[in-house]
Amino acid sequence: MKMVLVSLMVLVVTGCTAGRWVQAGKSDLDSRRDSFDCENVIVTKHGGWQRVEPFTAAIEIRECMQVKGYHLEQN
């Protein structure tokens, strides 16, 4: 059940992003891995996805990815 909630929240958060994270020299797999790492940091920080509002999660994921050197490329 917990995995289902996490999966749904990831879909909600990533669904709010109109584009993809890119960084020179990084593959799409690297980008997805770094995004997943950011999501895990947020989940840990807030004590679970059920305690994070989607808007807050989206902001924190954006900030985390920008710190890692990524920028959002619009579709």
Protein backbone atom coordinates (compact mmCIF):
# COMPACT_ATOMS: atom_id res chain seq x y z
CA MET A 1 0.00 0.00 0.00
CA LYS A 2 2.81 2.40 0.90
CA MET A 3 4.48 1.74 -2.46
CA VAL A 4 1.22 2.53 -4.26
CA LEU A 5 0.95 5.88 -2.46
CA VAL A 6 4.56 6.74 -3.25
CA SER A 7 4.04 5.82 -6.91
CA LEU A 8 0.90 7.93 -7.14
CA MET A 9 2.59 10.93 -5.57
CA VAL A 10 5.55 10.62 -7.94
CA LEU A 11 3.11 10.62 -10.86
CA VAL A 12 1.31 13.66 -9.48
CA VAL A 13 4.53 15.58 -8.92
CA THR A 14 6.15 14.66 -12.21
CA GLY A 15 2.87 15.17 -14.02
CA CYS A 16 2.89 18.80 -12.91
CA THR A 17 6.20 19.33 -14.65
CA ALA A 18 5.79 20.41 -18.28
CA GLY A 19 9.18 19.39 -19.59
CA ARG A 20 12.18 17.32 -18.67
CA TRP A 21 15.27 17.89 -16.59
CA VAL A 22 18.46 18.25 -18.64
CA GLN A 23 22.11 18.89 -17.93
CA ALA A 24 25.01 18.88 -20.37
CA GLY A 25 26.81 15.54 -20.30
CA LYS A 26 24.03 13.73 -18.43
CA SER A 27 21.86 11.02 -19.95
CA ASP A 28 18.11 10.69 -19.51
CA LEU A 29 18.82 7.82 -17.11
CA ASP A 30 21.09 10.09 -15.03
CA SER A 31 18.33 12.70 -14.92
CA ARG A 32 15.71 10.19 -13.79
CA ARG A 33 18.08 8.80 -11.16
CA ASP A 34 18.83 12.27 -9.79
CA SER A 35 15.13 13.16 -9.78
CA PHE A 36 14.36 9.96 -7.87
CA ASP A 37 17.11 10.86 -5.37
CA CYS A 38 15.53 14.29 -4.88
CA GLU A 39 12.13 12.67 -4.33
CA ASN A 40 13.62 10.35 -1.71
CA VAL A 41 15.16 13.31 0.12
CA ILE A 42 11.77 15.04 0.21
CA VAL A 43 9.96 11.92 1.41
CA THR A 44 12.51 11.44 4.19
CA LYS A 45 12.43 15.13 5.16
CA HIS A 46 8.64 15.18 5.52
CA GLY A 47 8.19 11.67 6.91
CA GLY A 48 6.34 10.26 3.90
CA TRP A 49 4.51 11.34 0.76
CA GLN A 50 1.19 11.49 2.58
CA ARG A 51 2.60 14.43 4.57
CA VAL A 52 3.80 16.41 1.56
CA GLU A 53 1.45 18.59 -0.45
CA PRO A 54 1.98 18.15 -4.21
CA PHE A 55 2.71 21.86 -4.75
CA THR A 56 5.34 21.83 -2.00
CA ALA A 57 6.88 18.64 -3.37
CA ALA A 58 7.08 20.12 -6.88
CA ILE A 59 8.87 23.22 -5.57
CA GLU A 60 11.32 21.16 -3.53
CA ILE A 61 12.06 18.79 -6.42
CA ARG A 62 12.69 21.77 -8.71
CA GLU A 63 15.07 23.33 -6.18
CA CYS A 64 16.89 20.03 -5.61
CA MET A 65 17.35 19.41 -9.34
CA GLN A 66 18.59 22.97 -9.89
CA VAL A 67 21.15 22.53 -7.11
CA LYS A 68 22.33 19.39 -8.93
CA GLY A 69 22.89 21.54 -12.03
CA TYR A 70 19.79 20.66 -14.07
CA HIS A 71 17.41 22.99 -15.85
CA LEU A 72 13.89 22.30 -17.02
CA GLU A 73 13.58 22.00 -20.79
CA GLN A 74 10.05 22.76 -21.94
CA ASN A 75 8.29 20.28 -24.24
